[in-house]
C-alpha atoms as a PDB file:
ATOM      1  CA  UNK A   1       7.988  -6.526 -17.488  1.00  0.00           C
ATOM      2  CA  UNK A   2       4.846  -7.569 -19.342  1.00  0.00           C
ATOM      3  CA  UNK A   3       3.568  -4.709 -21.478  1.00  0.00           C
ATOM      4  CA  UNK A   4       0.171  -4.732 -19.714  1.00  0.00           C
ATOM      5  CA  UNK A   5       1.908  -4.026 -16.388  1.00  0.00           C
ATOM      6  CA  UNK A   6       3.852  -0.961 -17.557  1.00  0.00           C
ATOM      7  CA  UNK A   7       1.001   1.570 -17.150  1.00  0.00           C
ATOM      8  CA  UNK A   8       0.290   0.229 -13.663  1.00  0.00           C
ATOM      9  CA  UNK A   9       3.965   0.439 -12.717  1.00  0.00           C
ATOM     10  CA  UNK A  10       4.352   4.061 -13.866  1.00  0.00           C
ATOM     11  CA  UNK A  11       1.109   4.990 -12.118  1.00  0.00           C
ATOM     12  CA  UNK A  12       2.305   3.316  -8.915  1.00  0.00           C
ATOM     13  CA  UNK A  13       5.676   5.123  -8.981  1.00  0.00           C
ATOM     14  CA  UNK A  14       4.025   8.485  -9.683  1.00  0.00           C
ATOM     15  CA  UNK A  15       1.780   8.033  -6.653  1.00  0.00           C
ATOM     16  CA  UNK A  16       4.725   6.972  -4.459  1.00  0.00           C
ATOM     17  CA  UNK A  17       6.374  10.296  -5.275  1.00  0.00           C
ATOM     18  CA  UNK A  18       3.327  12.103  -3.810  1.00  0.00           C
ATOM     19  CA  UNK A  19       3.588  10.348  -0.433  1.00  0.00           C
ATOM     20  CA  UNK A  20       5.372  11.877   2.550  1.00  0.00           C
ATOM     21  CA  UNK A  21       6.381   8.400   3.730  1.00  0.00           C
ATOM     22  CA  UNK A  22       6.017   4.774   2.609  1.00  0.00           C
ATOM     23  CA  UNK A  23       5.355   1.857   4.942  1.00  0.00           C
ATOM     24  CA  UNK A  24       7.120  -1.346   3.970  1.00  0.00           C
ATOM     25  CA  UNK A  25       6.850  -4.848   5.268  1.00  0.00           C
ATOM     26  CA  UNK A  26       9.632  -7.382   5.415  1.00  0.00           C
ATOM     27  CA  UNK A  27       9.410  -8.309   1.723  1.00  0.00           C
ATOM     28  CA  UNK A  28       8.067  -5.171   0.038  1.00  0.00           C
ATOM     29  CA  UNK A  29      10.016  -2.656  -1.994  1.00  0.00           C
ATOM     30  CA  UNK A  30       9.357   0.002  -4.570  1.00  0.00           C
ATOM     31  CA  UNK A  31      12.663   0.543  -6.410  1.00  0.00           C
ATOM     32  CA  UNK A  32      12.910   2.869  -9.368  1.00  0.00           C
ATOM     33  CA  UNK A  33      15.054   5.921 -10.063  1.00  0.00           C
ATOM     34  CA  UNK A  34      13.547   8.037  -7.255  1.00  0.00           C
ATOM     35  CA  UNK A  35      13.565   5.367  -4.535  1.00  0.00           C
ATOM     36  CA  UNK A  36      16.557   6.906  -2.749  1.00  0.00           C
ATOM     37  CA  UNK A  37      14.628  10.167  -2.277  1.00  0.00           C
ATOM     38  CA  UNK A  38      11.660   8.633  -0.446  1.00  0.00           C
ATOM     39  CA  UNK A  39      11.131   8.443   3.317  1.00  0.00           C
ATOM     40  CA  UNK A  40      10.233   5.011   4.697  1.00  0.00           C
ATOM     41  CA  UNK A  41       9.016   3.180   7.759  1.00  0.00           C
ATOM     42  CA  UNK A  42      10.038  -0.471   7.826  1.00  0.00           C
ATOM     43  CA  UNK A  43       7.297  -2.143   9.836  1.00  0.00           C
ATOM     44  CA  UNK A  44       8.327  -4.945  12.172  1.00  0.00           C
ATOM     45  CA  UNK A  45      12.021  -4.252  11.640  1.00  0.00           C
ATOM     46  CA  UNK A  46      12.841  -2.713  15.033  1.00  0.00           C
ATOM     47  CA  UNK A  47      13.274  -4.357  18.430  1.00  0.00           C
ATOM     48  CA  UNK A  48      11.954  -1.232  20.068  1.00  0.00           C
ATOM     49  CA  UNK A  49      10.708   1.599  18.087  1.00  0.00           C
ATOM     50  CA  UNK A  50      11.265   3.688  16.191  1.00  0.00           C
ATOM     51  CA  UNK A  51      14.986   3.588  15.476  1.00  0.00           C
ATOM     52  CA  UNK A  52      17.057   4.975  12.606  1.00  0.00           C
ATOM     53  CA  UNK A  53      17.817   2.593   9.763  1.00  0.00           C
ATOM     54  CA  UNK A  54      21.608   2.183   9.812  1.00  0.00           C
ATOM     55  CA  UNK A  55      21.629   1.781   6.010  1.00  0.00           C
ATOM     56  CA  UNK A  56      19.264   4.591   4.986  1.00  0.00           C
ATOM     57  CA  UNK A  57      19.192   8.071   6.545  1.00  0.00           C
ATOM     58  CA  UNK A  58      15.680   8.682   5.164  1.00  0.00           C
ATOM     59  CA  UNK A  59      14.196   5.604   6.853  1.00  0.00           C
ATOM     60  CA  UNK A  60      13.174   4.425  10.298  1.00  0.00           C
ATOM     61  CA  UNK A  61      12.803   0.908  11.631  1.00  0.00           C
ATOM     62  CA  UNK A  62       9.453   0.620  13.388  1.00  0.00           C
ATOM     63  CA  UNK A  63       7.927  -1.987  15.656  1.00  0.00           C
ATOM     64  CA  UNK A  64       4.173  -1.288  15.755  1.00  0.00           C
ATOM     65  CA  UNK A  65       3.887  -3.350  18.956  1.00  0.00           C
ATOM     66  CA  UNK A  66       6.365  -1.040  20.731  1.00  0.00           C
ATOM     67  CA  UNK A  67       5.599   2.405  19.255  1.00  0.00           C
ATOM     68  CA  UNK A  68       2.611   4.173  17.738  1.00  0.00           C
ATOM     69  CA  UNK A  69       2.442   5.379  14.166  1.00  0.00           C
ATOM     70  CA  UNK A  70       2.477   8.928  15.539  1.00  0.00           C
ATOM     71  CA  UNK A  71       5.783   8.243  17.337  1.00  0.00           C
ATOM     72  CA  UNK A  72       7.285   6.819  14.140  1.00  0.00           C
ATOM     73  CA  UNK A  73       5.962   9.790  12.139  1.00  0.00           C
ATOM     74  CA  UNK A  74       7.543  12.220  14.620  1.00  0.00           C
ATOM     75  CA  UNK A  75      10.847  10.315  14.476  1.00  0.00           C
ATOM     76  CA  UNK A  76      10.913  10.941  10.730  1.00  0.00           C
ATOM     77  CA  UNK A  77      10.470  14.668  11.406  1.00  0.00           C
ATOM     78  CA  UNK A  78       7.170  14.905   9.545  1.00  0.00           C
ATOM     79  CA  UNK A  79       4.262  17.180  10.376  1.00  0.00           C
ATOM     80  CA  UNK A  80       1.734  15.982   7.804  1.00  0.00           C
ATOM     81  CA  UNK A  81       1.253  14.422   4.404  1.00  0.00           C
ATOM     82  CA  UNK A  82       0.198  11.211   2.762  1.00  0.00           C
ATOM     83  CA  UNK A  83       1.234   7.831   4.143  1.00  0.00           C
ATOM     84  CA  UNK A  84       1.316   5.087   1.498  1.00  0.00           C
ATOM     85  CA  UNK A  85       1.331   1.503   2.715  1.00  0.00           C
ATOM     86  CA  UNK A  86       2.849  -0.577  -0.071  1.00  0.00           C
ATOM     87  CA  UNK A  87       2.953  -3.991   1.561  1.00  0.00           C
ATOM     88  CA  UNK A  88       2.944  -6.674   2.692  1.00  0.00           C
ATOM     89  CA  UNK A  89       0.258  -8.611   4.481  1.00  0.00           C
ATOM     90  CA  UNK A  90       0.992  -7.458   8.053  1.00  0.00           C
ATOM     91  CA  UNK A  91       1.407  -3.730   7.232  1.00  0.00           C
ATOM     92  CA  UNK A  92      -1.764  -3.758   5.107  1.00  0.00           C
ATOM     93  CA  UNK A  93      -3.599  -5.298   8.057  1.00  0.00           C
ATOM     94  CA  UNK A  94      -2.240  -2.765  10.566  1.00  0.00           C
ATOM     95  CA  UNK A  95      -4.111   0.080   8.944  1.00  0.00           C
ATOM     96  CA  UNK A  96      -7.512  -1.504   8.203  1.00  0.00           C
ATOM     97  CA  UNK A  97      -9.296   0.874  10.588  1.00  0.00           C
ATOM     98  CA  UNK A  98      -7.349   3.939   9.432  1.00  0.00           C
ATOM     99  CA  UNK A  99      -7.500   3.860   5.645  1.00  0.00           C
ATOM    100  CA  UNK A 100      -9.216   6.716   3.881  1.00  0.00           C
ATOM    101  CA  UNK A 101      -8.949   4.636   0.718  1.00  0.00           C
ATOM    102  CA  UNK A 102      -7.498   1.338  -0.412  1.00  0.00           C
ATOM    103  CA  UNK A 103      -6.874   0.825  -4.119  1.00  0.00           C
ATOM    104  CA  UNK A 104      -7.164  -2.841  -4.972  1.00  0.00           C
ATOM    105  CA  UNK A 105      -5.833  -4.163  -8.284  1.00  0.00           C
ATOM    106  CA  UNK A 106      -6.575  -7.597  -9.638  1.00  0.00           C
ATOM    107  CA  UNK A 107      -5.330  -9.744 -12.487  1.00  0.00           C
ATOM    108  CA  UNK A 108      -8.385 -11.919 -13.093  1.00  0.00           C
ATOM    109  CA  UNK A 109      -6.749 -15.208 -14.001  1.00  0.00           C
ATOM    110  CA  UNK A 110      -3.405 -14.900 -12.223  1.00  0.00           C
ATOM    111  CA  UNK A 111      -2.658 -17.453  -9.517  1.00  0.00           C
ATOM    112  CA  UNK A 112       0.408 -17.494  -7.297  1.00  0.00           C
ATOM    113  CA  UNK A 113       0.790 -20.915  -5.682  1.00  0.00           C
ATOM    114  CA  UNK A 114       2.392 -20.431  -2.291  1.00  0.00           C
ATOM    115  CA  UNK A 115       1.761 -16.671  -2.469  1.00  0.00           C
ATOM    116  CA  UNK A 116       0.712 -14.549   0.474  1.00  0.00           C
ATOM    117  CA  UNK A 117      -2.675 -12.851   0.910  1.00  0.00           C
ATOM    118  CA  UNK A 118      -3.082  -9.084   0.785  1.00  0.00           C
ATOM    119  CA  UNK A 119      -4.508  -9.010   4.349  1.00  0.00           C
ATOM    120  CA  UNK A 120      -4.202 -11.276   7.371  1.00  0.00           C
ATOM    121  CA  UNK A 121      -7.167 -13.660   7.555  1.00  0.00           C
ATOM    122  CA  UNK A 122      -7.692 -13.985   3.779  1.00  0.00           C
ATOM    123  CA  UNK A 123      -9.287 -16.405   2.890  1.00  0.00           C
ATOM    124  CA  UNK A 124     -12.080 -17.130   3.805  1.00  0.00           C
ATOM    125  CA  UNK A 125     -13.265 -13.511   3.353  1.00  0.00           C
ATOM    126  CA  UNK A 126     -12.295 -11.736   0.161  1.00  0.00           C
ATOM    127  CA  UNK A 127     -10.263  -8.512   0.374  1.00  0.00           C
ATOM    128  CA  UNK A 128     -13.406  -6.593  -0.590  1.00  0.00           C
ATOM    129  CA  UNK A 129     -15.393  -8.264   2.221  1.00  0.00           C
ATOM    130  CA  UNK A 130     -12.682  -7.547   4.798  1.00  0.00           C
ATOM    131  CA  UNK A 131     -12.451  -3.887   3.741  1.00  0.00           C
ATOM    132  CA  UNK A 132     -16.259  -3.600   3.976  1.00  0.00           C
ATOM    133  CA  UNK A 133     -16.122  -5.035   7.520  1.00  0.00           C
ATOM    134  CA  UNK A 134     -13.851  -2.076   8.347  1.00  0.00           C
ATOM    135  CA  UNK A 135     -16.228   0.528   6.933  1.00  0.00           C
ATOM    136  CA  UNK A 136     -14.858   0.970   3.420  1.00  0.00           C
ATOM    137  CA  UNK A 137     -17.114   0.956   0.335  1.00  0.00           C
ATOM    138  CA  UNK A 138     -16.162   0.206  -3.288  1.00  0.00           C
ATOM    139  CA  UNK A 139     -16.422   2.710  -6.101  1.00  0.00           C
ATOM    140  CA  UNK A 140     -16.838   1.617  -9.707  1.00  0.00           C
ATOM    141  CA  UNK A 141     -14.147  -0.610 -11.181  1.00  0.00           C
ATOM    142  CA  UNK A 142     -11.577   1.343 -13.201  1.00  0.00           C
ATOM    143  CA  UNK A 143      -9.445  -0.189 -15.920  1.00  0.00           C
ATOM    144  CA  UNK A 144      -5.818   0.755 -15.295  1.00  0.00           C
ATOM    145  CA  UNK A 145      -4.772  -0.680 -18.649  1.00  0.00           C
ATOM    146  CA  UNK A 146      -7.437  -0.170 -21.331  1.00  0.00           C
ATOM    147  CA  UNK A 147      -5.081  -1.549 -23.995  1.00  0.00           C
ATOM    148  CA  UNK A 148      -5.266  -4.943 -22.286  1.00  0.00           C
ATOM    149  CA  UNK A 149      -9.064  -5.015 -22.561  1.00  0.00           C
ATOM    150  CA  UNK A 150      -9.203  -8.317 -24.398  1.00  0.00           C
ATOM    151  CA  UNK A 151      -6.631 -10.029 -22.178  1.00  0.00           C
ATOM    152  CA  UNK A 152      -8.076 -12.444 -19.640  1.00  0.00           C
ATOM    153  CA  UNK A 153      -5.844 -10.939 -16.955  1.00  0.00           C
ATOM    154  CA  UNK A 154      -6.376  -7.235 -17.668  1.00  0.00           C
ATOM    155  CA  UNK A 155      -5.719  -4.924 -14.737  1.00  0.00           C
ATOM    156  CA  UNK A 156      -8.957  -3.531 -13.313  1.00  0.00           C
ATOM    157  CA  UNK A 157      -8.836  -1.666 -10.031  1.00  0.00           C
ATOM    158  CA  UNK A 158     -11.502  -0.542  -7.628  1.00  0.00           C
ATOM    159  CA  UNK A 159     -11.215   2.281  -5.113  1.00  0.00           C
ATOM    160  CA  UNK A 160     -12.626   1.232  -1.771  1.00  0.00           C
ATOM    161  CA  UNK A 161     -13.162   4.253   0.463  1.00  0.00           C
ATOM    162  CA  UNK A 162     -14.563   5.281   3.825  1.00  0.00           C
ATOM    163  CA  UNK A 163     -17.764   7.364   3.675  1.00  0.00           C
ATOM    164  CA  UNK A 164     -18.595   9.516   0.670  1.00  0.00           C
ATOM    165  CA  UNK A 165     -15.260  11.332   0.517  1.00  0.00           C
ATOM    166  CA  UNK A 166     -13.813  11.687  -2.971  1.00  0.00           C
ATOM    167  CA  UNK A 167     -10.245  10.444  -3.085  1.00  0.00           C
ATOM    168  CA  UNK A 168      -7.340  10.661  -5.445  1.00  0.00           C
ATOM    169  CA  UNK A 169      -6.590   7.497  -7.384  1.00  0.00           C
ATOM    170  CA  UNK A 170      -3.476   5.587  -6.436  1.00  0.00           C
ATOM    171  CA  UNK A 171      -2.201   2.054  -6.131  1.00  0.00           C
ATOM    172  CA  UNK A 172      -2.108   0.779  -2.595  1.00  0.00           C
ATOM    173  CA  UNK A 173      -3.754   2.323   0.412  1.00  0.00           C
ATOM    174  CA  UNK A 174      -3.704   5.956   1.456  1.00  0.00           C
ATOM    175  CA  UNK A 175      -3.731   7.305   4.968  1.00  0.00           C
ATOM    176  CA  UNK A 176      -4.017  11.033   5.527  1.00  0.00           C
END
């Protein structure tokens, strides 16, 4: 891992540990030493929904077209807590009207030919524009890796939140 990504990675993992459940898309994953301890919803992975993941007792397969988030939450046996959506495009898009905060990181000069956008419908709008269309407002840009200040692809992040509510800083969106 590039040295400028290490602080972001440790920050991301620390915030994952605070979540009651993680929402994954088809190609997302968090890994790390504590991954086996986390509860998950695999979005789009169920024919009906929600259904237990046959490979992971702490996870549910969830089809958002067949079951509500509340039904999936109940199936996990949860009564509250933080939901962290960690990707990909479709899961990020599912929650646009429900985010309390979305923490957007950018590497200024990085390009991923053939990559996928963070939200459905990007481009033409930017992620910031799409979040604003859903009632979220940006805070000041924060540098997640001050040691990379002179690098052209340093890792700034901006918290985009709904209303004037102060939020905890994390990578990826939060739903409470």
